[in-house]
Protein backbone atom coordinates (compact mmCIF):
# COMPACT_ATOMS: atom_id res chain seq x y z
CA MET A 1 0.00 0.00 0.00
CA SER A 2 2.85 2.38 0.80
CA LEU A 3 4.55 1.61 -2.50
CA GLY A 4 1.34 2.31 -4.40
CA SER A 5 0.73 5.51 -2.46
CA ALA A 6 4.20 6.90 -3.21
CA VAL A 7 3.96 6.13 -6.94
CA HIS A 8 0.40 7.46 -7.20
CA ASN A 9 1.33 10.71 -5.45
CA VAL A 10 4.02 11.40 -8.03
CA LEU A 11 1.92 10.59 -11.09
CA GLU A 12 -1.28 12.25 -9.89
CA SER A 13 0.61 15.45 -9.11
CA LEU A 14 1.42 15.78 -12.83
CA SER A 15 -2.22 16.56 -13.60
CA LEU A 16 -1.78 19.91 -11.82
CA ILE A 17 1.10 20.89 -14.13
CA PRO A 18 0.50 22.37 -17.62
CA THR A 19 1.15 19.82 -20.36
CA PRO A 20 4.20 21.54 -22.00
CA VAL A 21 6.22 21.56 -18.75
CA ARG A 22 4.77 18.46 -17.09
CA PHE A 23 8.03 16.48 -17.26
CA LYS A 24 10.43 19.38 -16.74
CA ASP A 25 11.43 18.23 -13.24
CA SER A 26 12.74 14.74 -12.50
CA LEU A 27 10.03 12.30 -11.44
CA LEU A 28 12.61 10.28 -9.52
CA LYS A 29 13.34 13.31 -7.33
CA LYS A 30 9.61 13.70 -6.69
CA PHE A 31 9.44 10.00 -5.86
CA ASP A 32 12.23 10.34 -3.28
CA GLU A 33 10.33 13.21 -1.64
CA SER A 34 7.11 11.19 -1.63
CA TRP A 35 8.90 8.14 -0.20
CA GLU A 36 10.22 10.10 2.78
CA LYS A 37 6.66 10.39 4.08
CA ILE A 38 6.20 6.61 4.28
CA SER A 39 9.72 5.49 5.15
CA GLY A 40 10.31 3.03 8.00
CA LYS A 41 7.67 1.43 10.18
CA LYS A 42 5.10 4.09 9.28
CA GLY A 43 5.19 2.70 5.77
CA GLY A 44 4.77 -0.87 7.00
CA PHE A 45 8.39 -1.96 6.46
CA ILE A 46 9.82 -4.44 8.95
CA SER A 47 13.47 -3.93 7.93
CA PRO A 48 15.66 -1.47 5.94
CA GLU A 49 16.34 -4.25 3.42
CA GLN A 50 12.64 -4.81 2.80
CA GLU A 51 12.06 -1.08 2.41
CA GLN A 52 14.85 -0.76 -0.16
CA ASP A 53 13.40 -3.67 -2.13
CA PHE A 54 10.01 -1.98 -2.34
CA LYS A 55 11.52 1.42 -3.08
CA LYS A 56 13.54 -0.08 -5.94
CA ARG A 57 10.31 -1.49 -7.42
CA GLY A 58 8.77 1.97 -7.22
CA GLU A 59 11.76 3.56 -8.91
CA GLU A 60 11.46 1.10 -11.80
CA MET A 61 7.80 2.05 -12.25
CA ILE A 62 8.69 5.74 -12.31
CA LYS A 63 11.45 5.07 -14.85
CA ASN A 64 8.95 3.19 -17.03
CA VAL A 65 6.71 6.27 -17.07
CA MET A 66 9.65 8.58 -17.83
CA LYS A 67 10.65 6.40 -20.80
CA ASN A 68 7.09 6.12 -22.09
CA PRO A 69 4.76 8.75 -20.56
CA GLY A 70 1.94 7.77 -22.93
CA PRO A 71 -1.28 9.62 -22.06
CA LEU A 72 0.45 11.60 -19.28
CA LYS A 73 2.15 13.82 -21.84
CA LYS A 74 -1.22 14.77 -23.35
CA LEU A 75 -4.03 17.03 -22.16
CA SER A 76 -5.85 16.01 -19.01
CA VAL A 77 -8.91 17.03 -16.99
CA LYS A 78 -8.71 17.72 -13.27
CA ILE A 79 -11.95 17.62 -11.27
CA LYS A 80 -11.97 20.65 -8.96
CA GLN A 81 -13.21 18.73 -5.92
CA ASP A 82 -10.37 17.49 -3.69
CA LEU A 83 -12.33 14.28 -3.21
CA PRO A 84 -14.90 13.86 -6.02
CA HIS A 85 -18.33 13.07 -4.57
CA TYR A 86 -22.06 13.40 -5.20
CA TRP A 87 -25.38 12.34 -3.68
CA ILE A 88 -25.99 8.89 -5.12
CA SER A 89 -29.22 8.81 -3.07
CA PRO A 90 -30.42 11.98 -1.31
CA LYS A 91 -33.44 10.02 -0.08
CA ASP A 92 -31.20 7.55 1.76
CA ASN A 93 -28.67 10.23 2.74
CA ILE A 94 -25.87 8.40 0.91
CA ILE A 95 -22.91 10.08 -0.80
CA LEU A 96 -20.59 8.28 -3.22
CA CYS A 97 -17.00 9.50 -3.22
CA GLY A 98 -13.70 8.35 -4.66
CA LYS A 99 -10.36 9.56 -5.95
CA LEU A 100 -9.66 9.08 -9.65
CA ASP A 101 -6.05 8.70 -10.73
CA TRP A 102 -6.21 10.43 -14.12
CA LEU A 103 -8.67 11.73 -16.70
CA GLU A 104 -7.40 11.93 -20.27
CA TYR A 105 -8.89 14.73 -22.38
CA PHE A 106 -9.90 14.14 -25.99
CA PRO A 107 -10.34 17.62 -27.59
CA GLU A 108 -11.79 16.27 -30.84
CA THR A 109 -14.87 15.00 -28.98
CA ASP A 110 -14.60 17.12 -25.79
CA SER A 111 -14.72 13.89 -23.79
CA VAL A 112 -12.57 12.12 -21.20
CA GLY A 113 -10.94 8.76 -20.61
CA ILE A 114 -10.65 7.13 -17.20
CA LEU A 115 -7.10 5.96 -16.47
CA ASP A 116 -6.22 4.02 -13.32
CA PHE A 117 -2.63 3.35 -12.28
CA LYS A 118 -1.86 -0.17 -11.06
CA THR A 119 1.28 -0.79 -9.00
CA GLY A 120 0.52 -4.35 -7.88
CA LYS A 121 1.72 -7.55 -9.50
CA HIS A 122 -1.73 -8.98 -10.23
CA GLN A 123 -4.48 -8.10 -12.71
CA GLU A 124 -7.55 -6.34 -11.34
CA ASP A 125 -10.43 -8.64 -10.42
CA PRO A 126 -13.03 -8.60 -13.24
CA ASN A 127 -15.73 -8.24 -10.57
CA SER A 128 -14.07 -5.22 -8.98
CA LEU A 129 -16.37 -2.26 -8.28
CA GLN A 130 -13.61 0.23 -9.04
CA LEU A 131 -14.55 1.07 -12.63
CA PRO A 132 -18.30 1.27 -11.91
CA ILE A 133 -17.57 3.74 -9.09
CA TYR A 134 -15.20 5.78 -11.25
CA ALA A 135 -17.68 5.88 -14.12
CA LEU A 136 -20.41 7.20 -11.80
CA LEU A 137 -18.11 9.85 -10.35
CA VAL A 138 -17.04 11.03 -13.79
CA ALA A 139 -20.65 11.21 -14.96
CA ASN A 140 -21.79 13.19 -11.92
CA CYS A 141 -18.80 15.33 -10.91
CA GLN A 142 -17.91 16.97 -14.22
CA LYS A 143 -19.66 17.75 -17.49
CA ARG A 144 -17.71 15.71 -20.07
CA GLN A 145 -18.76 12.23 -21.10
CA ALA A 146 -16.38 9.32 -20.59
CA GLN A 147 -15.57 7.49 -23.81
CA LYS A 148 -12.78 5.24 -22.60
CA ALA A 149 -11.50 3.39 -19.51
CA SER A 150 -8.06 1.87 -19.01
CA TYR A 151 -5.81 0.25 -16.43
CA TRP A 152 -2.12 1.12 -16.61
CA TYR A 153 -0.03 -1.67 -15.07
CA LEU A 154 3.23 0.09 -14.21
CA SER A 155 5.44 -2.78 -13.07
CA GLY A 156 7.30 -5.18 -15.31
CA GLU A 157 6.86 -4.40 -18.99
CA SER A 158 4.35 -1.62 -18.22
CA GLN A 159 1.18 -1.79 -20.29
CA VAL A 160 -2.10 0.06 -20.71
CA ILE A 161 -5.12 -2.25 -20.99
CA THR A 162 -8.42 -0.82 -22.26
CA LYS A 163 -11.58 -1.93 -20.46
CA ASP A 164 -15.26 -1.71 -21.37
CA LEU A 165 -17.05 1.23 -19.82
CA PRO A 166 -19.64 0.11 -17.25
CA ASP A 167 -23.33 0.70 -17.90
CA LEU A 168 -24.16 3.71 -15.71
CA LYS A 169 -27.68 2.61 -14.74
CA LYS A 170 -26.47 -0.88 -13.79
CA ALA A 171 -23.51 0.59 -11.90
CA HIS A 172 -25.79 2.97 -10.00
CA ASN A 173 -28.14 0.19 -8.91
CA GLN A 174 -25.27 -2.12 -7.97
CA ILE A 175 -23.35 0.43 -5.90
CA LEU A 176 -26.47 1.85 -4.23
CA ALA A 177 -27.63 -1.64 -3.17
CA ILE A 178 -24.26 -2.27 -1.49
CA ALA A 179 -24.24 1.20 0.09
CA LYS A 180 -27.66 0.55 1.65
CA LYS A 181 -26.39 -2.70 3.17
CA ILE A 182 -23.40 -0.86 4.64
CA LYS A 183 -25.65 1.86 6.05
CA LEU A 184 -27.98 -0.70 7.63
CA ALA A 185 -25.08 -2.66 9.14
CA ARG A 186 -23.67 0.51 10.69
CA LYS A 187 -27.07 1.52 12.04
CA LEU A 188 -27.65 -1.89 13.64
CA GLU A 189 -23.97 -2.28 14.56
CA GLN A 190 -24.03 -5.76 13.11
CA PHE A 191 -20.91 -6.45 11.08
CA LYS A 192 -21.06 -10.08 9.99
CA CYS A 193 -18.26 -11.45 7.85
CA PRO A 194 -19.49 -13.42 4.80
CA ASN A 195 -16.96 -16.12 5.76
CA GLY A 196 -18.50 -16.55 9.19
CA ASP A 197 -16.29 -17.16 12.22
CA LYS A 198 -13.32 -18.02 10.00
CA GLY A 199 -13.02 -14.39 9.01
CA CYS A 200 -11.38 -13.06 5.85
CA PHE A 201 -8.46 -10.94 4.68
CA ALA A 202 -10.23 -7.81 5.95
CA CYS A 203 -11.13 -9.23 9.38
CA LYS A 204 -7.87 -10.84 10.45
CA PRO A 205 -5.60 -7.76 10.56
CA LEU A 206 -8.17 -5.94 12.70
CA GLU A 207 -8.44 -8.97 14.99
CA MET A 208 -4.65 -8.93 15.42
CA ILE A 209 -4.84 -5.28 16.48
CA LEU A 210 -7.49 -6.12 19.10
CA LYS A 211 -5.29 -8.96 20.39
CA ASN A 212 -2.33 -6.55 20.77
CA GLU A 213 -0.42 -8.48 18.10
CA ALA A 214 0.22 -5.33 16.03
CA GLU A 215 2.50 -2.35 16.69
CA PHE A 216 1.03 1.16 16.70
CA VAL A 217 3.32 3.39 14.61
CA GLY A 218 1.49 6.72 14.36
CA LEU A 219 -1.23 8.53 12.42
CA SER A 220 -1.83 8.82 8.69
CA ASP A 221 -2.39 12.06 6.76
CA TYR A 222 -6.12 11.43 7.29
CA ASN A 223 -5.60 11.10 11.08
CA GLN A 224 -6.11 7.32 11.00
CA ASP A 225 -4.33 4.98 13.40
CA LEU A 226 -1.51 3.08 11.70
CA TYR A 227 -0.46 -0.39 12.84
CA LEU A 228 2.41 -2.57 11.69
CA ILE A 229 1.43 -6.20 11.18
CA ASP A 230 3.67 -9.19 10.46
CA TYR A 231 1.85 -10.95 7.66
CA ASP A 232 3.70 -14.23 8.18
CA LYS A 233 1.31 -14.78 11.09
CA LEU A 234 -1.68 -14.43 8.81
CA LYS A 235 -0.35 -16.87 6.19
CA SER A 236 -1.69 -14.42 3.65
CA GLU A 237 -0.96 -14.15 -0.05
CA GLN A 238 -0.07 -10.51 0.55
CA GLU A 239 3.55 -9.58 1.05
CA ASP A 240 5.25 -9.18 4.40
CA SER A 241 3.12 -6.60 6.18
CA ILE A 242 0.21 -4.23 5.90
CA ILE A 243 -0.74 -0.83 7.21
CA ILE A 244 -4.32 -0.53 8.49
């Protein structure tokens, strides 16, 4: 998560810079500055060696972008809201919010393309709600129509994969149905894991915190408690540790 955050911070910051001078300053220098904020235990690293390994992976991703900036060297659209949001259901008092990585701008059609940066090693789950949420935010937080959606996998060979745009009506109904379930669960204070007593990848780190098996390392930029967890204890597919 820290690796992804550092890389995203660098790339997303480019959308605030005019296109002609967007790559004037070194992205690697910006990456070093971004990395300083998540260095050490606060970034979830259990040793200097592990941190250097992750940082090196991030540097390779940044170098890939510098060699082939692709859509980042073209015009982009920046939504003015710091955190794009809108009332998905005023009746139910539910707001949908989310942070989009990048919006390409296509002047010939005055439209946009949704671009999401991927820093992980695995392909996005086809059933992920990420694109449906992004599509709804784009449709409701700015005036231009989305005509394209893509994932940019930054590690390895680095490739942009185009995805089908979600149907907005279907996405609205799907997301709203889930949001209502979340609202009801919070109101009743009944949080039942679909896996039952066995728990799941989301339950187990929190259970470790409650059992005092995690180390408190400070607060995030959003004033959230940060804990360092040894993932060997969880026998998880994720790597090494996680910040909650």
